[in-house]
Amino acid sequence: MEDRSVSARGFNPTGTVLLILLGLFLTGAVLWVDWQNGKSLMSSLLLPFAVSTGLVTAIGYQAIPLLKQLKMGQFIREDGPQAHLKKAGTPTMGGVFVVPIGTILGVIWSQFNPDAIAVALTSLGYFAIGGVDDWKSLSNRKNEGLTPKGKLLLQTAIAIAFCGWAYYSRGNVITNVHLPFQVVLPLGLLFWGLAIFALLAESNATNLTDGVDGLAGGTGAIALAGLAAIILPKEPSLAILCICLSGSYLGFVVHNRNKAKVFMGDTGSLALGGALAAVGILTENLWVLFILSGIFAVEALSVTAQVGYYKATKDAEGKGKRLFKMAPIHHHLELSGWTETQVVGVFYAIEVLLVIISLLSRQTL
């Protein structure tokens, strides 16, 4: 029988090599943005980025042993890739030393800008939901936390609260969605449904992406840096918050790269998506956010397609067919012969490309 497995042959970097490449790219990108905007050292993005990265890296060395002492070991799905079973017991909830540092530094560096505070609180709200979910999973001694309905209700509540702030601070002008070539869609009340959906979809998509060492943290850091570069000329306070969070997630990858010493958990992944969506909404950059979130969207859509295809192809015995070997799609690639670092490396490269496309697209709005 023909082997239809695929692999990224000839490209199999170590986790450390990927970390170095990620760090060099992000540092170079921040320096380029500072140069493009004529920033001095004290007003540059490089300083908050470097401080966030260094602080999370340093605190991680203290936090990880503490998580181990608290028995925060991750439970691994038995039906997942067999190579992941050896990761059982690796401490999770790494978001507890990533999100607070990034948001607090971002708010302070933005001089307590109200919009930065609103985005930070939204991210921390999703951080709290993820924390409860992770804690319940660990308490139940299995990979099950909040019920899907309960989790969605809590996420929706935070999304509605943030949208209320967005309307209060920006008014009806925020309901215009800007598309390429100066096309503007005046959505009016329909915009708020789209905004709530963006917050829910983004936070859950980044959560689904968190399944391979260094994947969600690295792609998230790239996306946040790209968003910072795009909004800096008009929204410097929110750009600073984004770059602080980008540095925080880079600092996390220092500990989360293959082979991971800690996992992010819902604590960090939900907060990542919440921050991206909140900034995209406030800065009227939903189109740009859509492009930047390409990796996260594909991950989420692969799960939706898998479930839908399985249900649609059920036979008389109630068994359906699978569209992918396993969803999200990064697990499909693993089961098709890719190593974890191959998946992460290719996804990093794609996210960089999406940032470039977003920067080019922004010029046509």
Protein backbone atom coordinates (compact mmCIF):
# COMPACT_ATOMS: atom_id res chain seq x y z
CA MET A 1 0.00 0.00 0.00
CA GLU A 2 1.32 3.43 -0.93
CA ASP A 3 2.66 5.51 1.96
CA ARG A 4 1.00 8.90 1.80
CA SER A 5 2.74 10.34 4.83
CA VAL A 6 4.38 13.72 4.44
CA SER A 7 7.40 15.20 6.14
CA ALA A 8 9.59 18.29 6.00
CA ARG A 9 12.67 16.35 4.91
CA GLY A 10 16.02 18.00 5.31
CA PHE A 11 14.70 20.43 7.89
CA ASN A 12 14.81 19.17 11.45
CA PRO A 13 16.19 21.86 13.78
CA THR A 14 16.50 21.47 17.52
CA GLY A 15 14.30 23.41 19.90
CA THR A 16 17.28 25.56 20.85
CA VAL A 17 17.99 26.47 17.24
CA LEU A 18 14.35 27.47 16.76
CA LEU A 19 14.52 29.61 19.91
CA ILE A 20 17.64 31.39 18.65
CA LEU A 21 16.08 32.02 15.23
CA LEU A 22 12.87 33.26 16.86
CA GLY A 23 14.78 35.58 19.18
CA LEU A 24 16.93 36.96 16.37
CA PHE A 25 13.92 37.56 14.13
CA LEU A 26 11.89 39.32 16.82
CA THR A 27 14.81 41.45 17.99
CA GLY A 28 15.65 42.41 14.41
CA ALA A 29 12.00 43.19 13.68
CA VAL A 30 11.71 45.43 16.75
CA LEU A 31 14.92 47.27 15.83
CA TRP A 32 13.59 47.78 12.29
CA VAL A 33 10.28 49.15 13.60
CA ASP A 34 12.12 51.54 15.92
CA TRP A 35 14.30 52.72 13.03
CA GLN A 36 11.29 53.17 10.74
CA ASN A 37 9.54 55.30 13.35
CA GLY A 38 12.60 57.29 14.43
CA LYS A 39 12.49 56.06 18.03
CA SER A 40 15.24 56.91 20.52
CA LEU A 41 16.42 54.32 23.05
CA MET A 42 14.16 55.61 25.83
CA SER A 43 11.06 55.73 23.60
CA SER A 44 11.85 52.58 21.63
CA LEU A 45 9.97 49.28 21.61
CA LEU A 46 13.23 47.40 22.08
CA LEU A 47 13.57 48.31 25.76
CA PRO A 48 10.15 47.03 26.94
CA PHE A 49 10.53 44.01 24.67
CA ALA A 50 13.92 43.14 26.16
CA VAL A 51 12.81 43.72 29.75
CA SER A 52 9.70 41.54 29.30
CA THR A 53 11.71 38.75 27.70
CA GLY A 54 14.41 38.85 30.34
CA LEU A 55 12.01 39.05 33.28
CA VAL A 56 9.87 36.10 32.16
CA THR A 57 12.99 34.08 31.37
CA ALA A 58 14.46 34.77 34.81
CA ILE A 59 11.23 34.18 36.76
CA GLY A 60 10.65 30.95 34.85
CA TYR A 61 13.70 29.39 36.50
CA GLN A 62 12.04 29.98 39.87
CA ALA A 63 8.42 29.32 38.85
CA ILE A 64 8.92 25.95 37.16
CA PRO A 65 10.34 24.17 40.24
CA LEU A 66 7.48 25.68 42.25
CA LEU A 67 4.90 24.32 39.79
CA LYS A 68 6.54 20.91 40.15
CA GLN A 69 6.33 21.14 43.95
CA LEU A 70 2.63 22.01 43.64
CA LYS A 71 2.20 18.87 41.48
CA MET A 72 0.96 20.78 38.44
CA GLY A 73 1.89 17.91 36.11
CA GLN A 74 0.10 17.77 32.76
CA PHE A 75 -2.12 14.80 31.89
CA ILE A 76 -1.61 13.54 28.33
CA ARG A 77 -4.42 12.17 26.17
CA GLU A 78 -3.94 8.44 25.60
CA ASP A 79 -5.50 8.73 22.13
CA GLY A 80 -3.02 11.43 21.11
CA PRO A 81 0.37 11.00 19.43
CA GLN A 82 2.20 8.26 21.33
CA ALA A 83 5.37 10.35 21.40
CA HIS A 84 3.56 12.78 23.70
CA LEU A 85 2.96 10.21 26.44
CA LYS A 86 6.49 10.70 27.74
CA LYS A 87 5.56 14.35 28.45
CA ALA A 88 3.17 13.30 31.21
CA GLY A 89 4.04 15.04 34.46
CA THR A 90 5.62 18.10 32.83
CA PRO A 91 4.31 21.09 34.81
CA THR A 92 1.58 23.13 33.16
CA MET A 93 -0.08 26.50 33.91
CA GLY A 94 3.09 28.26 32.71
CA GLY A 95 0.89 31.19 31.77
CA VAL A 96 0.91 32.24 35.44
CA PHE A 97 4.38 33.78 35.02
CA VAL A 98 3.86 35.02 31.46
CA VAL A 99 0.57 36.90 31.22
CA PRO A 100 0.74 38.98 34.43
CA ILE A 101 4.29 40.14 33.65
CA GLY A 102 3.47 41.10 30.07
CA THR A 103 0.24 42.91 30.92
CA ILE A 104 1.59 44.73 33.99
CA LEU A 105 4.74 45.90 32.20
CA GLY A 106 2.65 46.95 29.20
CA VAL A 107 0.28 49.02 31.33
CA ILE A 108 3.13 50.67 33.25
CA TRP A 109 5.17 51.38 30.10
CA SER A 110 2.08 52.85 28.40
CA GLN A 111 1.78 55.23 31.37
CA PHE A 112 -1.50 53.63 32.43
CA ASN A 113 -3.24 54.39 29.17
CA PRO A 114 -6.98 53.54 29.55
CA ASP A 115 -7.10 51.47 26.35
CA ALA A 116 -4.01 49.51 27.41
CA ILE A 117 -5.62 48.87 30.79
CA ALA A 118 -8.83 47.64 29.12
CA VAL A 119 -6.93 45.22 26.86
CA ALA A 120 -4.78 44.04 29.76
CA LEU A 121 -7.86 43.37 31.91
CA THR A 122 -9.48 41.47 29.03
CA SER A 123 -6.37 39.33 28.60
CA LEU A 124 -6.23 38.76 32.36
CA GLY A 125 -9.92 37.80 32.31
CA TYR A 126 -9.21 35.03 29.82
CA PHE A 127 -6.12 34.19 31.85
CA ALA A 128 -8.38 33.66 34.88
CA ILE A 129 -10.78 31.43 32.93
CA GLY A 130 -7.84 29.37 31.68
CA GLY A 131 -6.46 29.17 35.21
CA VAL A 132 -9.73 27.77 36.58
CA ASP A 133 -9.92 25.33 33.68
CA ASP A 134 -6.34 24.14 34.20
CA TRP A 135 -6.84 23.87 37.96
CA LYS A 136 -9.99 21.78 37.58
CA SER A 137 -8.20 19.50 35.12
CA LEU A 138 -5.39 18.95 37.59
CA SER A 139 -7.78 18.50 40.51
CA ASN A 140 -9.83 15.94 38.57
CA ARG A 141 -6.61 14.09 37.66
CA LYS A 142 -7.57 14.00 34.00
CA ASN A 143 -7.46 16.32 31.00
CA GLU A 144 -10.95 17.74 31.64
CA GLY A 145 -11.62 21.12 33.26
CA LEU A 146 -14.57 23.46 32.86
CA THR A 147 -17.50 22.24 30.79
CA PRO A 148 -17.46 23.61 27.23
CA LYS A 149 -20.72 25.48 27.90
CA GLY A 150 -19.48 27.00 31.15
CA LYS A 151 -16.19 28.03 29.58
CA LEU A 152 -17.96 29.64 26.62
CA LEU A 153 -20.34 31.57 28.88
CA LEU A 154 -17.43 33.00 30.87
CA GLN A 155 -15.55 33.93 27.70
CA THR A 156 -18.68 35.59 26.30
CA ALA A 157 -19.20 37.61 29.48
CA ILE A 158 -15.68 39.05 29.23
CA ALA A 159 -16.13 39.71 25.51
CA ILE A 160 -19.35 41.66 26.18
CA ALA A 161 -17.68 43.67 28.94
CA PHE A 162 -14.78 44.58 26.65
CA CYS A 163 -17.12 45.54 23.80
CA GLY A 164 -18.96 47.81 26.23
CA TRP A 165 -15.66 49.56 26.98
CA ALA A 166 -14.82 49.77 23.26
CA TYR A 167 -18.12 51.51 22.52
CA TYR A 168 -17.69 53.85 25.51
CA SER A 169 -14.16 54.85 24.51
CA ARG A 170 -14.44 54.93 20.72
CA GLY A 171 -18.14 55.34 19.90
CA ASN A 172 -19.81 54.31 16.64
CA VAL A 173 -16.69 54.99 14.56
CA ILE A 174 -15.29 51.68 15.72
CA THR A 175 -18.09 49.78 13.96
CA ASN A 176 -16.54 50.47 10.55
CA VAL A 177 -14.50 47.52 9.27
CA HIS A 178 -11.65 48.59 7.00
CA LEU A 179 -10.81 46.31 4.08
CA PRO A 180 -8.06 46.60 1.44
CA PHE A 181 -8.21 49.31 -1.22
CA GLN A 182 -10.01 51.70 1.14
CA VAL A 183 -13.21 49.67 1.23
CA VAL A 184 -15.12 50.37 4.45
CA LEU A 185 -18.01 48.28 5.75
CA PRO A 186 -20.26 50.28 8.11
CA LEU A 187 -21.62 47.35 10.12
CA GLY A 188 -23.37 49.33 12.83
CA LEU A 189 -24.91 47.06 15.46
CA LEU A 190 -23.78 43.97 13.54
CA PHE A 191 -20.20 44.88 14.41
CA TRP A 192 -20.68 43.93 18.05
CA GLY A 193 -21.65 40.40 17.14
CA LEU A 194 -18.53 40.22 14.99
CA ALA A 195 -16.38 41.65 17.80
CA ILE A 196 -17.67 39.14 20.34
CA PHE A 197 -17.13 36.35 17.84
CA ALA A 198 -13.56 37.57 17.21
CA LEU A 199 -12.74 37.43 20.92
CA LEU A 200 -14.24 33.95 21.34
CA ALA A 201 -12.74 32.57 18.14
CA GLU A 202 -9.27 34.03 18.69
CA SER A 203 -8.95 32.86 22.29
CA ASN A 204 -10.13 29.35 21.47
CA ALA A 205 -7.98 29.14 18.33
CA THR A 206 -4.79 30.06 20.19
CA ASN A 207 -5.80 27.53 22.83
CA LEU A 208 -6.03 24.78 20.21
CA THR A 209 -2.64 25.79 18.82
CA ASP A 210 -1.01 25.06 22.17
CA GLY A 211 -0.24 21.39 21.59
CA VAL A 212 3.42 21.20 20.54
CA ASP A 213 6.49 22.50 22.38
CA GLY A 214 7.07 26.16 21.55
CA LEU A 215 4.25 26.41 18.99
CA ALA A 216 1.65 28.72 20.55
CA GLY A 217 4.22 30.81 22.42
CA GLY A 218 6.40 31.40 19.37
CA THR A 219 3.66 32.07 16.82
CA GLY A 220 1.90 34.26 19.39
CA ALA A 221 5.05 36.30 20.00
CA ILE A 222 5.45 36.84 16.25
CA ALA A 223 1.80 37.83 15.80
CA LEU A 224 1.91 40.29 18.73
CA ALA A 225 5.11 41.90 17.41
CA GLY A 226 3.57 42.20 13.95
CA LEU A 227 0.44 43.81 15.38
CA ALA A 228 2.61 46.23 17.39
CA ALA A 229 4.46 47.27 14.22
CA ILE A 230 1.20 47.90 12.38
CA ILE A 231 -0.51 50.00 15.06
CA LEU A 232 2.52 51.90 16.42
CA PRO A 233 2.07 55.11 14.36
CA LYS A 234 -1.52 55.67 15.54
CA GLU A 235 -1.74 53.63 18.77
CA PRO A 236 1.66 53.76 20.52
CA SER A 237 0.26 52.76 23.94
CA LEU A 238 -1.36 49.59 22.63
CA ALA A 239 1.76 48.86 20.56
CA ILE A 240 3.82 48.95 23.75
CA LEU A 241 1.40 46.53 25.43
CA CYS A 242 1.63 44.18 22.44
CA ILE A 243 5.44 44.28 22.42
CA CYS A 244 5.60 43.59 26.17
CA LEU A 245 3.37 40.56 25.68
CA SER A 246 5.44 39.48 22.68
CA GLY A 247 8.58 39.61 24.83
CA SER A 248 6.84 37.70 27.60
CA TYR A 249 5.85 34.87 25.28
CA LEU A 250 9.38 34.79 23.84
CA GLY A 251 10.69 34.47 27.40
CA PHE A 252 8.28 31.61 27.91
CA VAL A 253 9.58 29.80 24.82
CA VAL A 254 13.00 29.75 26.51
CA HIS A 255 11.47 27.18 28.88
CA ASN A 256 8.83 25.75 26.54
CA ARG A 257 11.03 24.96 23.54
CA ASN A 258 11.49 21.30 22.68
CA LYS A 259 11.94 19.47 25.00
CA ALA A 260 9.63 21.57 27.10
CA LYS A 261 10.24 22.07 30.81
CA VAL A 262 6.79 23.64 31.23
CA PHE A 263 3.55 23.92 29.27
CA MET A 264 1.52 27.08 28.79
CA GLY A 265 -1.88 25.63 29.60
CA ASP A 266 -5.18 27.40 28.99
CA THR A 267 -3.89 29.99 31.46
CA GLY A 268 -1.56 31.40 28.83
CA SER A 269 -3.18 30.39 25.53
CA LEU A 270 -6.63 31.89 26.15
CA ALA A 271 -5.03 35.15 27.32
CA LEU A 272 -2.91 35.30 24.15
CA GLY A 273 -5.94 35.17 21.86
CA GLY A 274 -7.90 37.57 24.02
CA ALA A 275 -5.15 40.19 23.82
CA LEU A 276 -4.77 39.86 20.03
CA ALA A 277 -8.51 40.17 19.41
CA ALA A 278 -8.99 43.06 21.85
CA VAL A 279 -6.23 45.11 20.22
CA GLY A 280 -7.54 44.31 16.74
CA ILE A 281 -11.01 45.52 17.71
CA LEU A 282 -9.92 48.74 19.43
CA THR A 283 -7.56 49.76 16.62
CA GLU A 284 -10.04 48.94 13.83
CA ASN A 285 -7.72 46.27 12.47
CA LEU A 286 -9.98 43.24 12.24
CA TRP A 287 -8.88 42.59 8.66
CA VAL A 288 -5.22 42.68 9.69
CA LEU A 289 -6.04 40.46 12.67
CA PHE A 290 -7.69 37.97 10.30
CA ILE A 291 -4.46 37.69 8.30
CA LEU A 292 -2.18 37.55 11.33
CA SER A 293 -4.32 34.79 12.81
CA GLY A 294 -4.02 32.51 9.81
CA ILE A 295 -2.15 29.79 11.72
CA PHE A 296 -4.62 29.89 14.61
CA ALA A 297 -7.59 29.87 12.22
CA VAL A 298 -6.33 26.80 10.34
CA GLU A 299 -5.78 24.99 13.64
CA ALA A 300 -9.35 25.74 14.75
CA LEU A 301 -10.90 24.97 11.35
CA SER A 302 -9.11 21.61 11.23
CA VAL A 303 -10.89 20.62 14.44
CA THR A 304 -14.26 21.83 13.14
CA ALA A 305 -13.75 20.00 9.84
CA GLN A 306 -12.69 16.81 11.62
CA VAL A 307 -15.79 16.77 13.82
CA GLY A 308 -18.11 17.71 10.97
CA TYR A 309 -16.71 15.10 8.58
CA TYR A 310 -16.89 12.40 11.25
CA LYS A 311 -20.56 13.14 11.93
CA ALA A 312 -21.44 13.38 8.23
CA THR A 313 -19.89 9.99 7.40
CA LYS A 314 -21.33 7.94 10.27
CA ASP A 315 -22.42 4.46 9.23
CA ALA A 316 -25.17 2.28 10.66
CA GLU A 317 -22.98 1.44 13.64
CA GLY A 318 -22.40 5.11 14.43
CA LYS A 319 -18.77 5.14 13.29
CA GLY A 320 -17.57 7.89 10.99
CA LYS A 321 -14.48 8.58 8.93
CA ARG A 322 -11.70 10.98 9.85
CA LEU A 323 -10.62 13.77 7.55
CA PHE A 324 -7.27 14.07 9.35
CA LYS A 325 -5.26 11.47 11.24
CA MET A 326 -5.81 13.67 14.27
CA ALA A 327 -6.89 17.26 14.87
CA PRO A 328 -5.72 20.00 15.33
CA ILE A 329 -3.67 19.83 12.18
CA HIS A 330 -0.28 19.97 13.95
CA HIS A 331 -1.06 16.51 15.35
CA HIS A 332 -1.98 15.30 11.84
CA LEU A 333 1.45 16.43 10.64
CA GLU A 334 3.14 14.65 13.54
CA LEU A 335 1.32 11.42 12.75
CA SER A 336 2.29 11.88 9.10
CA GLY A 337 5.99 11.74 9.94
CA TRP A 338 6.90 15.30 10.93
CA THR A 339 8.90 15.87 14.09
CA GLU A 340 7.67 18.45 16.58
CA THR A 341 10.46 20.85 15.69
CA GLN A 342 9.67 20.53 11.99
CA VAL A 343 6.06 21.49 12.68
CA VAL A 344 7.09 24.42 14.86
CA GLY A 345 9.75 25.66 12.44
CA VAL A 346 7.40 25.62 9.46
CA PHE A 347 4.61 27.29 11.43
CA TYR A 348 7.02 30.01 12.62
CA ALA A 349 8.00 30.66 9.00
CA ILE A 350 4.36 30.84 7.93
CA GLU A 351 3.55 33.28 10.76
CA VAL A 352 6.44 35.51 9.70
CA LEU A 353 5.05 35.48 6.16
CA LEU A 354 1.61 36.40 7.49
CA VAL A 355 3.11 39.36 9.35
CA ILE A 356 4.73 40.58 6.13
CA ILE A 357 1.45 40.19 4.24
CA SER A 358 -0.34 42.08 7.03
CA LEU A 359 2.13 44.97 6.83
CA LEU A 360 1.66 45.16 3.07
CA SER A 361 -2.11 44.85 3.39
CA ARG A 362 -2.23 47.63 5.99
CA GLN A 363 -0.88 50.06 3.39
CA THR A 364 -3.93 49.46 1.18
CA LEU A 365 -6.52 50.18 3.90
